[in-house]
Amino acid sequence: MGDGLRPSNVSQAHTPAYWESNARIAFRDDQRRIEFALWIKNLNNNVTPTGFVLNPTTAEIFTTVPYPRRYGGEFTCHF
């Protein structure tokens, strides 16, 4: 089957390019036993759809969006 005839090659199945940025900063003691870190994911709060699925029978379009911005902290202790 040629590339032009595949269902995944329809214009509704393509998504625009996008950036997603994450950040993490950590502080560790000199003996490398204790670490405290803060992190954030999807720093730029990207909401661009990441995929489309077209149901050819019903012409329904299903889409997914990226995870929302998330943040948190970590504490690690090696003993």
Protein backbone atom coordinates (compact mmCIF):
# COMPACT_ATOMS: atom_id res chain seq x y z
CA MET A 1 0.00 0.00 0.00
CA GLY A 2 1.38 3.42 -0.89
CA ASP A 3 2.15 5.97 1.83
CA GLY A 4 -0.62 8.25 0.62
CA LEU A 5 -3.28 5.60 1.30
CA ARG A 6 -2.49 4.77 4.92
CA PRO A 7 -5.03 6.03 7.48
CA SER A 8 -2.21 7.42 9.64
CA ASN A 9 -1.15 9.72 6.81
CA VAL A 10 -4.26 11.93 6.96
CA SER A 11 -3.77 15.55 7.95
CA GLN A 12 -5.82 15.10 11.16
CA ALA A 13 -3.28 12.53 12.42
CA HIS A 14 -0.34 14.96 12.46
CA THR A 15 0.62 17.22 15.32
CA PRO A 16 2.75 20.36 15.24
CA ALA A 17 6.26 20.35 16.67
CA TYR A 18 6.64 21.48 20.27
CA TRP A 19 9.18 21.80 23.07
CA GLU A 20 8.90 20.41 26.55
CA SER A 21 11.36 21.51 29.22
CA ASN A 22 12.17 20.04 32.62
CA ALA A 23 14.40 21.32 35.41
CA ARG A 24 16.02 19.87 38.53
CA ILE A 25 18.32 21.42 41.10
CA ALA A 26 19.99 19.42 43.87
CA PHE A 27 22.17 20.12 46.88
CA ARG A 28 24.46 17.38 48.20
CA ASP A 29 26.77 17.33 51.22
CA ASP A 30 30.53 16.82 50.86
CA GLN A 31 30.36 13.14 51.88
CA ARG A 32 27.61 12.52 49.29
CA ARG A 33 25.37 10.98 51.93
CA ILE A 34 22.49 13.47 51.90
CA GLU A 35 20.85 15.06 48.88
CA PHE A 36 17.90 17.43 48.64
CA ALA A 37 16.42 18.21 45.23
CA LEU A 38 13.57 20.21 43.73
CA TRP A 39 12.22 19.45 40.24
CA ILE A 40 9.61 20.65 37.78
CA LYS A 41 8.38 18.93 34.63
CA ASN A 42 6.67 20.55 31.64
CA LEU A 43 8.19 23.85 32.71
CA ASN A 44 6.70 25.76 29.77
CA ASN A 45 3.20 24.29 30.46
CA ASN A 46 2.88 22.76 27.00
CA VAL A 47 -0.70 21.83 26.05
CA THR A 48 -0.08 20.91 22.37
CA PRO A 49 -1.87 17.64 21.55
CA THR A 50 0.63 14.79 21.28
CA GLY A 51 -1.35 12.44 19.09
CA PHE A 52 -4.53 11.87 17.17
CA VAL A 53 -6.31 8.64 16.29
CA LEU A 54 -8.95 8.75 13.60
CA ASN A 55 -11.62 6.04 13.70
CA PRO A 56 -12.46 5.51 10.01
CA THR A 57 -15.80 3.84 10.76
CA THR A 58 -17.34 6.64 12.81
CA ALA A 59 -15.00 9.52 11.81
CA GLU A 60 -14.36 10.19 15.51
CA ILE A 61 -11.04 11.77 16.41
CA PHE A 62 -9.40 10.82 19.71
CA THR A 63 -6.55 12.96 20.96
CA THR A 64 -4.11 12.99 23.87
CA VAL A 65 -2.44 15.94 25.55
CA PRO A 66 0.79 15.94 27.55
CA TYR A 67 0.91 15.72 31.32
CA PRO A 68 0.23 19.06 33.02
CA ARG A 69 3.02 20.95 34.77
CA ARG A 70 4.21 18.94 37.79
CA TYR A 71 6.65 19.77 40.54
CA GLY A 72 8.05 18.09 43.59
CA GLY A 73 10.99 17.46 45.83
CA GLU A 74 13.27 14.58 46.75
CA PHE A 75 15.28 13.81 49.85
CA THR A 76 17.88 11.02 49.71
CA CYS A 77 20.02 9.72 52.55
CA HIS A 78 22.69 7.01 52.02
CA PHE A 79 23.88 5.20 55.16
